[in-house]
């Protein structure tokens, strides 16, 4: 017997007979907070911002310079969303011109720990992944020939 959490704002997925969440059954509803949070923190710009703000404070222009390919608008949107989620703190200094700085909150710092683990795993397995991609591409090319 399976039960599904029905709360639209706090959905967590499908639960099995043992009462534990089934990690392979993410709730796909757009109003699912878990899904929304995962979408935010797994976004490539958010990951880069969180990584860059690890134990340091940066200004907007410094972040933009460090993140290759991000537009000013996308960086602004990303920072606002991370601030709204409580992951980034924005400080405006009352000087002319205004100086705005960004840093991780304690909550954002805990997420950085998780991101660091993911990066470490990726670095350790990048050669295996590259080899798997080459094998796959070769099989696909042979199938098309």
Protein backbone atom coordinates (compact mmCIF):
# COMPACT_ATOMS: atom_id res chain seq x y z
CA UNK A 1 0.00 0.00 0.00
CA UNK A 2 1.33 3.45 -0.92
CA UNK A 3 0.26 6.83 0.38
CA UNK A 4 0.99 10.11 -1.34
CA UNK A 5 1.27 13.36 0.55
CA UNK A 6 -1.45 15.62 -0.82
CA UNK A 7 -0.45 19.00 0.61
CA UNK A 8 0.14 21.23 -2.42
CA UNK A 9 2.78 23.38 -0.76
CA UNK A 10 4.66 20.77 1.25
CA UNK A 11 4.58 17.70 -0.95
CA UNK A 12 7.41 15.26 -0.50
CA UNK A 13 6.63 12.44 -2.85
CA UNK A 14 5.40 8.89 -2.56
CA UNK A 15 5.85 6.72 0.50
CA UNK A 16 6.25 2.95 0.44
CA UNK A 17 4.94 0.27 2.81
CA UNK A 18 7.80 0.91 5.24
CA UNK A 19 6.78 4.57 5.62
CA UNK A 20 10.03 5.85 4.15
CA UNK A 21 10.02 8.24 1.18
CA UNK A 22 10.64 6.61 -2.18
CA UNK A 23 13.57 8.61 -3.61
CA UNK A 24 12.63 7.62 -7.15
CA UNK A 25 9.16 9.17 -6.95
CA UNK A 26 9.58 12.95 -6.95
CA UNK A 27 6.32 14.82 -6.96
CA UNK A 28 6.03 16.45 -10.38
CA UNK A 29 3.37 18.99 -9.44
CA UNK A 30 4.46 22.55 -10.13
CA UNK A 31 3.20 23.70 -6.73
CA UNK A 32 5.45 21.23 -4.89
CA UNK A 33 7.87 23.16 -2.62
CA UNK A 34 10.42 20.35 -2.62
CA UNK A 35 10.50 20.40 -6.40
CA UNK A 36 10.72 24.19 -6.47
CA UNK A 37 13.64 24.22 -4.02
CA UNK A 38 15.48 21.50 -5.94
CA UNK A 39 14.91 23.37 -9.19
CA UNK A 40 16.43 26.47 -7.60
CA UNK A 41 19.49 24.99 -5.97
CA UNK A 42 20.25 22.66 -8.89
CA UNK A 43 20.18 25.53 -11.39
CA UNK A 44 23.64 26.08 -12.89
CA UNK A 45 23.80 29.78 -12.03
CA UNK A 46 22.73 29.15 -8.43
CA UNK A 47 25.35 26.43 -8.02
CA UNK A 48 28.06 28.75 -9.30
CA UNK A 49 26.97 31.67 -7.10
CA UNK A 50 26.85 29.46 -4.00
CA UNK A 51 30.27 28.01 -4.82
CA UNK A 52 31.81 31.47 -5.33
CA UNK A 53 30.38 32.86 -2.10
CA UNK A 54 31.87 30.13 0.06
CA UNK A 55 33.43 31.94 3.04
CA UNK A 56 33.72 35.25 1.24
CA UNK A 57 31.74 38.36 0.41
CA UNK A 58 31.55 39.50 -3.21
CA UNK A 59 30.08 42.46 -5.03
CA UNK A 60 27.74 42.01 -7.99
CA UNK A 61 30.43 43.00 -10.49
CA UNK A 62 32.87 40.49 -8.98
CA UNK A 63 30.31 37.71 -9.28
CA UNK A 64 29.52 38.68 -12.87
CA UNK A 65 33.22 38.69 -13.76
CA UNK A 66 33.76 35.25 -12.19
CA UNK A 67 30.72 33.55 -13.79
CA UNK A 68 31.45 33.07 -17.46
CA UNK A 69 28.39 33.47 -19.67
CA UNK A 70 25.90 34.81 -17.14
CA UNK A 71 23.98 37.90 -18.20
CA UNK A 72 23.44 40.80 -15.83
CA UNK A 73 19.72 40.09 -15.80
CA UNK A 74 20.15 36.37 -15.06
CA UNK A 75 22.61 37.05 -12.26
CA UNK A 76 20.22 39.60 -10.77
CA UNK A 77 17.32 37.12 -10.92
CA UNK A 78 19.46 34.32 -9.46
CA UNK A 79 20.69 36.46 -6.56
CA UNK A 80 17.17 37.67 -5.76
CA UNK A 81 15.83 34.11 -5.73
CA UNK A 82 18.67 32.88 -3.52
CA UNK A 83 18.09 35.81 -1.18
CA UNK A 84 14.35 35.06 -1.07
CA UNK A 85 15.12 31.43 -0.22
CA UNK A 86 17.35 32.53 2.65
CA UNK A 87 20.56 31.22 1.09
CA UNK A 88 22.24 34.55 0.28
CA UNK A 89 22.40 37.79 2.27
CA UNK A 90 22.46 41.09 0.39
CA UNK A 91 23.99 44.11 2.10
CA UNK A 92 23.67 47.63 0.68
CA UNK A 93 26.25 50.11 1.97
CA UNK A 94 25.01 53.73 1.98
CA UNK A 95 27.77 55.26 -0.09
CA UNK A 96 27.80 56.96 -3.47
CA UNK A 97 27.63 55.00 -5.68
CA UNK A 98 25.88 52.36 -3.55
CA UNK A 99 28.01 49.32 -2.80
CA UNK A 100 26.11 46.04 -2.70
CA UNK A 101 27.69 42.87 -1.34
CA UNK A 102 26.53 39.28 -1.26
CA UNK A 103 27.43 36.46 1.09
CA UNK A 104 26.08 33.06 2.03
CA UNK A 105 23.80 32.82 5.03
CA UNK A 106 24.42 30.00 7.50
CA UNK A 107 21.73 28.04 5.62
CA UNK A 108 23.49 28.72 2.32
CA UNK A 109 26.73 27.50 3.90
CA UNK A 110 25.15 24.13 4.67
CA UNK A 111 24.11 23.83 1.03
CA UNK A 112 27.65 24.65 -0.08
CA UNK A 113 28.85 21.59 1.86
CA UNK A 114 26.52 19.43 -0.22
CA UNK A 115 27.62 21.09 -3.46
CA UNK A 116 31.27 20.53 -2.54
CA UNK A 117 30.52 16.80 -2.15
CA UNK A 118 28.94 16.73 -5.60
CA UNK A 119 31.93 18.51 -7.16
CA UNK A 120 34.33 16.13 -5.42
CA UNK A 121 32.40 13.13 -6.75
CA UNK A 122 32.43 14.63 -10.25
CA UNK A 123 36.18 15.23 -10.14
CA UNK A 124 36.81 11.67 -8.93
CA UNK A 125 34.69 10.11 -11.70
CA UNK A 126 35.17 12.48 -14.63
CA UNK A 127 37.41 10.06 -16.53
CA UNK A 128 34.89 7.23 -16.15
CA UNK A 129 32.11 9.50 -17.36
CA UNK A 130 34.19 10.67 -20.34
CA UNK A 131 34.91 7.03 -21.27
CA UNK A 132 31.23 6.11 -20.96
CA UNK A 133 30.27 9.04 -23.20
CA UNK A 134 32.80 7.99 -25.83
CA UNK A 135 31.49 4.40 -25.78
CA UNK A 136 27.90 5.61 -26.05
CA UNK A 137 28.70 7.99 -28.91
CA UNK A 138 30.55 5.22 -30.76
CA UNK A 139 27.55 2.87 -30.36
CA UNK A 140 25.16 5.58 -31.57
CA UNK A 141 27.37 6.35 -34.58
CA UNK A 142 27.56 2.64 -35.46
CA UNK A 143 23.77 2.35 -35.20
CA UNK A 144 23.26 5.28 -37.57
CA UNK A 145 25.75 3.94 -40.13
